Structure formats: structure tokens, C-alpha cells
Amino acid sequence: MMKSELITIPKAILATLLYFIGIQLIGVRFIIGEKIGFENSYAYYHLIQGILQLTGVLIFIYFIRNRTFKNLIKRTHLKWYLCALILGISFVFMQTPLNWIYNLIFGTEYQIAYSIDGLAKAKFTNINIIATVLMIPIGEELFFRGYIQNNLQKKTNTVVAILLTSLLFASIHAPYANLILDLIKQDWHLFYLALFGGIISGILYFKSKSIGPSIIFSMFWNIMISISLIA
């Protein structure tokens, strides 16, 4: 492994750690709000989190790119946006065989009940959905694909860059709360799915040479999750 790789990979891990800490600090603000009597502190949790998260990422990207957003989303062929749209919609269906494997390994019973009723129950009138399908996907893709993967691709081979970025992306969805709060019982299912979703997004970014398709994929992935009934 080249010396440049040894420098780049720790930087990517450190940047992801700081990103994760930032997300957790936003969450702590709402926990404190509830404890001191703001009963509706969670009413706009996802919206405010999405705004703060996206703002933080944009500020970071602005300074990393020498105070410019020029060519932040590079032009690419329309076919990559079409591919991203199709993959974003279909990834929720790909999760069925992925769930079979996960259930087999960990003895769980995850499944997705595909139903048109999910569309009615998605509550797209809820203002928090703006963060779920727009702000958070944009922030995550700009950071993980636009910054982390982009830099790793310059210092390592493509496969390593995509896999490591996907692993770091999945790591922010890991059940760390289990280590702190005994009452919260989470497993690695979300981490597992995020890893595969990250790989798809990473391939789209590499092939299209633009962050745009990755954002579209992530947005429609989240939309389909909101519609699907996950048991």
C-alpha cells in the first residue's frame, strides 16, 4: 500500500467520525428539550436535523473546495439519472433477498410487506418528510460520495474506494446506542442494508462522474422506504 493511501484512509475515517458526532449532537439537543419540558421537541425533529445536517455539510464542502460550489454537481448523461431512479425505486425490492440472508445468519424475521396501502400511510403531508427524502439524502451523498469517495478514488483503486466509503456510510447507521443505553435494543440490520445501498450509490457516482445520480438514488430509496411497510 502506498504512503498516500495510509494517509488518506485515516482521514476518511476521522471525517466520518466527526460527521457522526455532529449528527449525535443534533439529537442530544432534542433529548434535552424534552427533558426540560418542551413536549413537542420531536414534532419537527427530522426537519430540523435535516436542515442542520445539510447546512453543516454544505459549509464543510464550501471550504474544502476553496470557497466555491462551482461544478459541485457535474453534468452527466441523462441515462445515469434514469438508472439512479430505477435503482432507487427497485432497491426496496432487492432488500427481500438481502433480508433472507440476514434472517438466516442472525435468526431474525425482517420482511417487507409490499402493499399499496403503504402509499396512503406514508404521510407525505408531514413536513418532516422533506428532510427524509430531500435534505438528509443530499447531505449524506455530498459528504460520502462527493467528498470521501472522491478523495479515496484519487489515492486508492476504485473497488477499495467504493467499498470503504460504503462501509463508512453504513457505520453511521450502526446501533451504537446499545453500548450506552440498555433500554435501546437495536441490531445491525440498518447497517447491513446501508452497506449495500452505499455500494450501489458508489458505483453510480464512479460511472457517472457526478454526484447527481447518487442523490437521486438515495432520495427515491428513502421515498420507497416511506411507502413500504417494513415488519
C-alpha atoms as a PDB file:
ATOM      1  CA  MET A   1       0.000   0.000   0.000  1.00  0.00           C
ATOM      2  CA  MET A   2       1.336   3.420  -0.933  1.00  0.00           C
ATOM      3  CA  LYS A   3       2.102   6.022   1.701  1.00  0.00           C
ATOM      4  CA  SER A   4      -0.598   8.303   0.272  1.00  0.00           C
ATOM      5  CA  GLU A   5      -3.190   5.584   0.901  1.00  0.00           C
ATOM      6  CA  LEU A   6      -2.115   5.273   4.535  1.00  0.00           C
ATOM      7  CA  ILE A   7      -2.698   8.998   4.934  1.00  0.00           C
ATOM      8  CA  THR A   8      -5.987   9.193   3.040  1.00  0.00           C
ATOM      9  CA  ILE A   9      -7.831   6.300   4.709  1.00  0.00           C
ATOM     10  CA  PRO A  10      -7.357   7.556   8.311  1.00  0.00           C
ATOM     11  CA  LYS A  11      -8.515  10.997   7.160  1.00  0.00           C
ATOM     12  CA  ALA A  12     -11.663   9.449   5.705  1.00  0.00           C
ATOM     13  CA  ILE A  13     -12.332   7.585   8.964  1.00  0.00           C
ATOM     14  CA  LEU A  14     -11.723  10.734  11.044  1.00  0.00           C
ATOM     15  CA  ALA A  15     -14.007  12.826   8.820  1.00  0.00           C
ATOM     16  CA  THR A  16     -16.768  10.209   9.161  1.00  0.00           C
ATOM     17  CA  LEU A  17     -16.321  10.168  12.938  1.00  0.00           C
ATOM     18  CA  LEU A  18     -16.720  13.948  13.086  1.00  0.00           C
ATOM     19  CA  TYR A  19     -19.780  13.709  10.819  1.00  0.00           C
ATOM     20  CA  PHE A  20     -21.324  11.109  13.128  1.00  0.00           C
ATOM     21  CA  ILE A  21     -20.576  13.161  16.244  1.00  0.00           C
ATOM     22  CA  GLY A  22     -22.261  16.159  14.624  1.00  0.00           C
ATOM     23  CA  ILE A  23     -25.415  14.123  13.967  1.00  0.00           C
ATOM     24  CA  GLN A  24     -25.459  12.884  17.552  1.00  0.00           C
ATOM     25  CA  LEU A  25     -25.066  16.401  18.938  1.00  0.00           C
ATOM     26  CA  ILE A  26     -28.144  17.438  16.967  1.00  0.00           C
ATOM     27  CA  GLY A  27     -30.044  14.526  18.518  1.00  0.00           C
ATOM     28  CA  VAL A  28     -28.903  15.459  22.045  1.00  0.00           C
ATOM     29  CA  ARG A  29     -30.445  18.909  21.585  1.00  0.00           C
ATOM     30  CA  PHE A  30     -33.888  17.297  21.225  1.00  0.00           C
ATOM     31  CA  ILE A  31     -33.402  14.955  24.181  1.00  0.00           C
ATOM     32  CA  ILE A  32     -32.507  17.945  26.356  1.00  0.00           C
ATOM     33  CA  GLY A  33     -35.511  19.852  25.016  1.00  0.00           C
ATOM     34  CA  GLU A  34     -37.846  17.054  26.058  1.00  0.00           C
ATOM     35  CA  LYS A  35     -36.253  16.727  29.497  1.00  0.00           C
ATOM     36  CA  ILE A  36     -36.707  20.409  30.326  1.00  0.00           C
ATOM     37  CA  GLY A  37     -40.359  20.436  29.335  1.00  0.00           C
ATOM     38  CA  PHE A  38     -40.637  21.094  25.606  1.00  0.00           C
ATOM     39  CA  GLU A  39     -43.219  18.394  24.925  1.00  0.00           C
ATOM     40  CA  ASN A  40     -43.243  18.987  21.176  1.00  0.00           C
ATOM     41  CA  SER A  41     -39.464  18.917  20.808  1.00  0.00           C
ATOM     42  CA  TYR A  42     -39.729  15.894  18.479  1.00  0.00           C
ATOM     43  CA  ALA A  43     -42.523  17.300  16.312  1.00  0.00           C
ATOM     44  CA  TYR A  44     -40.054  18.704  13.790  1.00  0.00           C
ATOM     45  CA  TYR A  45     -37.068  16.546  14.735  1.00  0.00           C
ATOM     46  CA  HIS A  46     -36.267  15.183  11.263  1.00  0.00           C
ATOM     47  CA  LEU A  47     -36.849  18.521   9.553  1.00  0.00           C
ATOM     48  CA  ILE A  48     -34.540  20.449  11.864  1.00  0.00           C
ATOM     49  CA  GLN A  49     -31.999  17.641  11.835  1.00  0.00           C
ATOM     50  CA  GLY A  50     -32.066  17.624   8.039  1.00  0.00           C
ATOM     51  CA  ILE A  51     -31.605  21.394   7.812  1.00  0.00           C
ATOM     52  CA  LEU A  52     -28.701  21.427  10.270  1.00  0.00           C
ATOM     53  CA  GLN A  53     -27.085  18.358   8.738  1.00  0.00           C
ATOM     54  CA  LEU A  54     -27.283  19.680   5.179  1.00  0.00           C
ATOM     55  CA  THR A  55     -26.124  23.142   6.253  1.00  0.00           C
ATOM     56  CA  GLY A  56     -23.127  21.662   8.059  1.00  0.00           C
ATOM     57  CA  VAL A  57     -22.146  19.555   5.057  1.00  0.00           C
ATOM     58  CA  LEU A  58     -22.508  22.492   2.641  1.00  0.00           C
ATOM     59  CA  ILE A  59     -20.319  24.691   4.830  1.00  0.00           C
ATOM     60  CA  PHE A  60     -17.727  21.920   5.036  1.00  0.00           C
ATOM     61  CA  ILE A  61     -17.788  21.313   1.271  1.00  0.00           C
ATOM     62  CA  TYR A  62     -17.602  25.063   0.593  1.00  0.00           C
ATOM     63  CA  PHE A  63     -14.335  25.473   2.474  1.00  0.00           C
ATOM     64  CA  ILE A  64     -12.865  22.151   1.325  1.00  0.00           C
ATOM     65  CA  ARG A  65     -13.440  23.241  -2.291  1.00  0.00           C
ATOM     66  CA  ASN A  66     -11.704  26.586  -1.763  1.00  0.00           C
ATOM     67  CA  ARG A  67     -14.890  28.533  -1.062  1.00  0.00           C
ATOM     68  CA  THR A  68     -16.837  27.635  -4.156  1.00  0.00           C
ATOM     69  CA  PHE A  69     -19.762  25.452  -5.171  1.00  0.00           C
ATOM     70  CA  LYS A  70     -18.807  25.623  -8.850  1.00  0.00           C
ATOM     71  CA  ASN A  71     -19.323  22.261 -10.584  1.00  0.00           C
ATOM     72  CA  LEU A  72     -20.492  20.744  -7.313  1.00  0.00           C
ATOM     73  CA  ILE A  73     -22.915  18.599  -9.311  1.00  0.00           C
ATOM     74  CA  LYS A  74     -21.194  17.915 -12.610  1.00  0.00           C
ATOM     75  CA  ARG A  75     -23.152  17.404 -15.786  1.00  0.00           C
ATOM     76  CA  THR A  76     -23.553  13.812 -16.862  1.00  0.00           C
ATOM     77  CA  HIS A  77     -25.557  11.756 -19.323  1.00  0.00           C
ATOM     78  CA  LEU A  78     -29.275  11.541 -18.647  1.00  0.00           C
ATOM     79  CA  LYS A  79     -29.060   7.731 -18.653  1.00  0.00           C
ATOM     80  CA  TRP A  80     -27.319   7.788 -15.270  1.00  0.00           C
ATOM     81  CA  TYR A  81     -30.199   9.718 -13.721  1.00  0.00           C
ATOM     82  CA  LEU A  82     -32.610   7.193 -15.230  1.00  0.00           C
ATOM     83  CA  CYS A  83     -30.535   4.330 -13.813  1.00  0.00           C
ATOM     84  CA  ALA A  84     -30.489   6.042 -10.417  1.00  0.00           C
ATOM     85  CA  LEU A  85     -34.261   6.486 -10.481  1.00  0.00           C
ATOM     86  CA  ILE A  86     -34.866   2.834 -11.366  1.00  0.00           C
ATOM     87  CA  LEU A  87     -32.356   1.567  -8.793  1.00  0.00           C
ATOM     88  CA  GLY A  88     -33.754   3.844  -6.086  1.00  0.00           C
ATOM     89  CA  ILE A  89     -37.265   2.541  -6.655  1.00  0.00           C
ATOM     90  CA  SER A  90     -36.214  -1.099  -7.022  1.00  0.00           C
ATOM     91  CA  PHE A  91     -33.725  -1.260  -4.144  1.00  0.00           C
ATOM     92  CA  VAL A  92     -36.520  -1.770  -1.633  1.00  0.00           C
ATOM     93  CA  PHE A  93     -37.451  -4.916  -3.585  1.00  0.00           C
ATOM     94  CA  MET A  94     -33.811  -6.022  -3.638  1.00  0.00           C
ATOM     95  CA  GLN A  95     -33.951  -5.915   0.143  1.00  0.00           C
ATOM     96  CA  THR A  96     -36.169  -9.015   0.208  1.00  0.00           C
ATOM     97  CA  PRO A  97     -33.365 -11.470  -0.700  1.00  0.00           C
ATOM     98  CA  LEU A  98     -30.971  -9.419   1.431  1.00  0.00           C
ATOM     99  CA  ASN A  99     -33.376  -9.846   4.350  1.00  0.00           C
ATOM    100  CA  TRP A 100     -33.497 -13.605   3.738  1.00  0.00           C
ATOM    101  CA  ILE A 101     -29.731 -13.780   4.110  1.00  0.00           C
ATOM    102  CA  TYR A 102     -29.722 -11.529   7.187  1.00  0.00           C
ATOM    103  CA  ASN A 103     -32.516 -13.525   8.830  1.00  0.00           C
ATOM    104  CA  LEU A 104     -30.675 -16.764   8.127  1.00  0.00           C
ATOM    105  CA  ILE A 105     -27.459 -15.511   9.686  1.00  0.00           C
ATOM    106  CA  PHE A 106     -28.881 -13.687  12.714  1.00  0.00           C
ATOM    107  CA  GLY A 107     -32.107 -15.593  13.310  1.00  0.00           C
ATOM    108  CA  THR A 108     -34.319 -12.534  12.842  1.00  0.00           C
ATOM    109  CA  GLU A 109     -37.590 -12.168  10.944  1.00  0.00           C
ATOM    110  CA  TYR A 110     -37.247  -8.995   8.899  1.00  0.00           C
ATOM    111  CA  GLN A 111     -39.570  -8.719   5.935  1.00  0.00           C
ATOM    112  CA  ILE A 112     -41.149  -6.056   3.771  1.00  0.00           C
ATOM    113  CA  ALA A 113     -44.887  -6.226   3.155  1.00  0.00           C
ATOM    114  CA  TYR A 114     -45.408  -4.658  -0.260  1.00  0.00           C
ATOM    115  CA  SER A 115     -48.808  -3.001  -0.304  1.00  0.00           C
ATOM    116  CA  ILE A 116     -50.434  -0.017  -1.975  1.00  0.00           C
ATOM    117  CA  ASP A 117     -51.721   0.849   1.494  1.00  0.00           C
ATOM    118  CA  GLY A 118     -48.195   1.974   2.253  1.00  0.00           C
ATOM    119  CA  LEU A 119     -48.657   4.922  -0.088  1.00  0.00           C
ATOM    120  CA  ALA A 120     -51.626   6.165   1.901  1.00  0.00           C
ATOM    121  CA  LYS A 121     -49.821   5.650   5.198  1.00  0.00           C
ATOM    122  CA  ALA A 122     -46.608   7.348   4.103  1.00  0.00           C
ATOM    123  CA  LYS A 123     -47.922  10.725   5.352  1.00  0.00           C
ATOM    124  CA  PHE A 124     -46.210  12.838   2.711  1.00  0.00           C
ATOM    125  CA  THR A 125     -48.089  15.822   4.135  1.00  0.00           C
ATOM    126  CA  ASN A 126     -45.872  15.565   7.232  1.00  0.00           C
ATOM    127  CA  ILE A 127     -43.276  18.321   6.949  1.00  0.00           C
ATOM    128  CA  ASN A 128     -40.596  16.004   8.331  1.00  0.00           C
ATOM    129  CA  ILE A 129     -40.749  14.011   5.089  1.00  0.00           C
ATOM    130  CA  ILE A 130     -38.900  16.896   3.400  1.00  0.00           C
ATOM    131  CA  ALA A 131     -35.836  16.019   5.434  1.00  0.00           C
ATOM    132  CA  THR A 132     -36.209  12.273   4.914  1.00  0.00           C
ATOM    133  CA  VAL A 133     -36.437  12.358   1.128  1.00  0.00           C
ATOM    134  CA  LEU A 134     -34.542  15.548   0.297  1.00  0.00           C
ATOM    135  CA  MET A 135     -32.216  17.175   2.829  1.00  0.00           C
ATOM    136  CA  ILE A 136     -30.664  14.134   4.502  1.00  0.00           C
ATOM    137  CA  PRO A 137     -30.004  12.258   1.215  1.00  0.00           C
ATOM    138  CA  ILE A 138     -28.369  15.341  -0.316  1.00  0.00           C
ATOM    139  CA  GLY A 139     -26.179  15.892   2.744  1.00  0.00           C
ATOM    140  CA  GLU A 140     -25.140  12.249   3.001  1.00  0.00           C
ATOM    141  CA  GLU A 141     -24.307  11.885  -0.689  1.00  0.00           C
ATOM    142  CA  LEU A 142     -22.345  15.146  -0.845  1.00  0.00           C
ATOM    143  CA  PHE A 143     -20.285  14.022   2.124  1.00  0.00           C
ATOM    144  CA  PHE A 144     -19.781  10.318   1.467  1.00  0.00           C
ATOM    145  CA  ARG A 145     -19.653  10.167  -2.305  1.00  0.00           C
ATOM    146  CA  GLY A 146     -18.755  13.767  -3.191  1.00  0.00           C
ATOM    147  CA  TYR A 147     -16.029  14.098  -0.566  1.00  0.00           C
ATOM    148  CA  ILE A 148     -14.979  10.737   0.930  1.00  0.00           C
ATOM    149  CA  GLN A 149     -15.200   8.534  -2.177  1.00  0.00           C
ATOM    150  CA  ASN A 150     -13.982  11.266  -4.498  1.00  0.00           C
ATOM    151  CA  ASN A 151     -10.773  11.630  -2.483  1.00  0.00           C
ATOM    152  CA  LEU A 152     -10.266   7.901  -1.970  1.00  0.00           C
ATOM    153  CA  GLN A 153     -10.603   7.291  -5.715  1.00  0.00           C
ATOM    154  CA  LYS A 154      -7.624   9.593  -6.255  1.00  0.00           C
ATOM    155  CA  LYS A 155      -5.423   7.667  -3.808  1.00  0.00           C
ATOM    156  CA  THR A 156      -6.670   4.053  -3.972  1.00  0.00           C
ATOM    157  CA  ASN A 157      -8.200   1.774  -6.584  1.00  0.00           C
ATOM    158  CA  THR A 158     -11.876   2.113  -7.393  1.00  0.00           C
ATOM    159  CA  VAL A 159     -13.057  -1.055  -5.631  1.00  0.00           C
ATOM    160  CA  VAL A 160     -11.346  -0.074  -2.373  1.00  0.00           C
ATOM    161  CA  ALA A 161     -12.737   3.461  -2.610  1.00  0.00           C
ATOM    162  CA  ILE A 162     -16.326   2.292  -3.152  1.00  0.00           C
ATOM    163  CA  LEU A 163     -16.227  -0.452  -0.501  1.00  0.00           C
ATOM    164  CA  LEU A 164     -14.535   1.670   2.147  1.00  0.00           C
ATOM    165  CA  THR A 165     -16.869   4.612   1.531  1.00  0.00           C
ATOM    166  CA  SER A 166     -19.885   2.274   1.719  1.00  0.00           C
ATOM    167  CA  LEU A 167     -18.573   0.814   4.970  1.00  0.00           C
ATOM    168  CA  LEU A 168     -18.122   4.289   6.449  1.00  0.00           C
ATOM    169  CA  PHE A 169     -21.589   5.275   5.240  1.00  0.00           C
ATOM    170  CA  ALA A 170     -23.082   2.170   6.845  1.00  0.00           C
ATOM    171  CA  SER A 171     -21.164   2.864  10.058  1.00  0.00           C
ATOM    172  CA  ILE A 172     -23.247   5.956  10.837  1.00  0.00           C
ATOM    173  CA  HIS A 173     -26.291   3.647  10.843  1.00  0.00           C
ATOM    174  CA  ALA A 174     -24.743   1.175  13.296  1.00  0.00           C
ATOM    175  CA  PRO A 175     -26.503   0.519  16.652  1.00  0.00           C
ATOM    176  CA  TYR A 176     -24.075   2.440  18.867  1.00  0.00           C
ATOM    177  CA  ALA A 177     -26.914   3.339  21.234  1.00  0.00           C
ATOM    178  CA  ASN A 178     -26.799  -0.243  22.526  1.00  0.00           C
ATOM    179  CA  LEU A 179     -23.402   0.493  24.038  1.00  0.00           C
ATOM    180  CA  ILE A 180     -24.776   3.425  26.052  1.00  0.00           C
ATOM    181  CA  LEU A 181     -28.463   2.826  26.700  1.00  0.00           C
ATOM    182  CA  ASP A 182     -29.531  -0.611  27.892  1.00  0.00           C
ATOM    183  CA  LEU A 183     -33.175   0.155  27.116  1.00  0.00           C
ATOM    184  CA  ILE A 184     -32.490   0.580  23.387  1.00  0.00           C
ATOM    185  CA  LYS A 185     -32.266  -2.761  21.618  1.00  0.00           C
ATOM    186  CA  GLN A 186     -31.145  -2.413  18.017  1.00  0.00           C
ATOM    187  CA  ASP A 187     -29.362  -4.811  15.720  1.00  0.00           C
ATOM    188  CA  TRP A 188     -27.195  -4.447  12.630  1.00  0.00           C
ATOM    189  CA  HIS A 189     -29.990  -4.672  10.061  1.00  0.00           C
ATOM    190  CA  LEU A 190     -29.909  -0.988   9.094  1.00  0.00           C
ATOM    191  CA  PHE A 191     -26.105  -1.083   8.885  1.00  0.00           C
ATOM    192  CA  TYR A 192     -26.367  -4.153   6.663  1.00  0.00           C
ATOM    193  CA  LEU A 193     -28.828  -2.566   4.221  1.00  0.00           C
ATOM    194  CA  ALA A 194     -26.992   0.765   4.215  1.00  0.00           C
ATOM    195  CA  LEU A 195     -23.807  -1.048   3.183  1.00  0.00           C
ATOM    196  CA  PHE A 196     -25.421  -2.453   0.037  1.00  0.00           C
ATOM    197  CA  GLY A 197     -27.207   0.829  -0.695  1.00  0.00           C
ATOM    198  CA  GLY A 198     -23.891   2.621  -0.334  1.00  0.00           C
ATOM    199  CA  ILE A 199     -22.239   0.279  -2.824  1.00  0.00           C
ATOM    200  CA  ILE A 200     -24.935   0.995  -5.424  1.00  0.00           C
ATOM    201  CA  SER A 201     -24.625   4.727  -4.834  1.00  0.00           C
ATOM    202  CA  GLY A 202     -20.843   4.499  -5.039  1.00  0.00           C
ATOM    203  CA  ILE A 203     -20.963   2.682  -8.367  1.00  0.00           C
ATOM    204  CA  LEU A 204     -23.362   5.293  -9.745  1.00  0.00           C
ATOM    205  CA  TYR A 205     -21.000   8.054  -8.658  1.00  0.00           C
ATOM    206  CA  PHE A 206     -17.987   6.365 -10.219  1.00  0.00           C
ATOM    207  CA  LYS A 207     -19.721   5.571 -13.508  1.00  0.00           C
ATOM    208  CA  SER A 208     -21.490   8.902 -13.954  1.00  0.00           C
ATOM    209  CA  LYS A 209     -18.631  11.079 -12.632  1.00  0.00           C
ATOM    210  CA  SER A 210     -21.328  13.177 -10.954  1.00  0.00           C
ATOM    211  CA  ILE A 211     -22.939  13.276  -7.519  1.00  0.00           C
ATOM    212  CA  GLY A 212     -26.358  13.974  -9.075  1.00  0.00           C
ATOM    213  CA  PRO A 213     -27.365  10.351  -9.830  1.00  0.00           C
ATOM    214  CA  SER A 214     -26.266   9.226  -6.358  1.00  0.00           C
ATOM    215  CA  ILE A 215     -28.515  11.861  -4.795  1.00  0.00           C
ATOM    216  CA  ILE A 216     -31.459  10.762  -6.948  1.00  0.00           C
ATOM    217  CA  PHE A 217     -30.872   7.122  -5.981  1.00  0.00           C
ATOM    218  CA  SER A 218     -30.766   7.982  -2.276  1.00  0.00           C
ATOM    219  CA  MET A 219     -33.869  10.170  -2.473  1.00  0.00           C
ATOM    220  CA  PHE A 220     -36.011   7.529  -4.175  1.00  0.00           C
ATOM    221  CA  TRP A 221     -34.635   4.827  -1.881  1.00  0.00           C
ATOM    222  CA  ASN A 222     -35.926   6.853   1.073  1.00  0.00           C
ATOM    223  CA  ILE A 223     -39.239   7.530  -0.658  1.00  0.00           C
ATOM    224  CA  MET A 224     -39.775   3.814  -1.234  1.00  0.00           C
ATOM    225  CA  ILE A 225     -38.898   3.047   2.386  1.00  0.00           C
ATOM    226  CA  SER A 226     -41.524   5.578   3.464  1.00  0.00           C
ATOM    227  CA  ILE A 227     -44.096   3.840   1.263  1.00  0.00           C
ATOM    228  CA  SER A 228     -43.174   0.222   2.035  1.00  0.00           C
ATOM    229  CA  LEU A 229     -44.342  -1.456   5.189  1.00  0.00           C
ATOM    230  CA  ILE A 230     -41.294  -2.916   6.905  1.00  0.00           C
ATOM    231  CA  ALA A 231     -42.021  -5.543   9.520  1.00  0.00           C
END
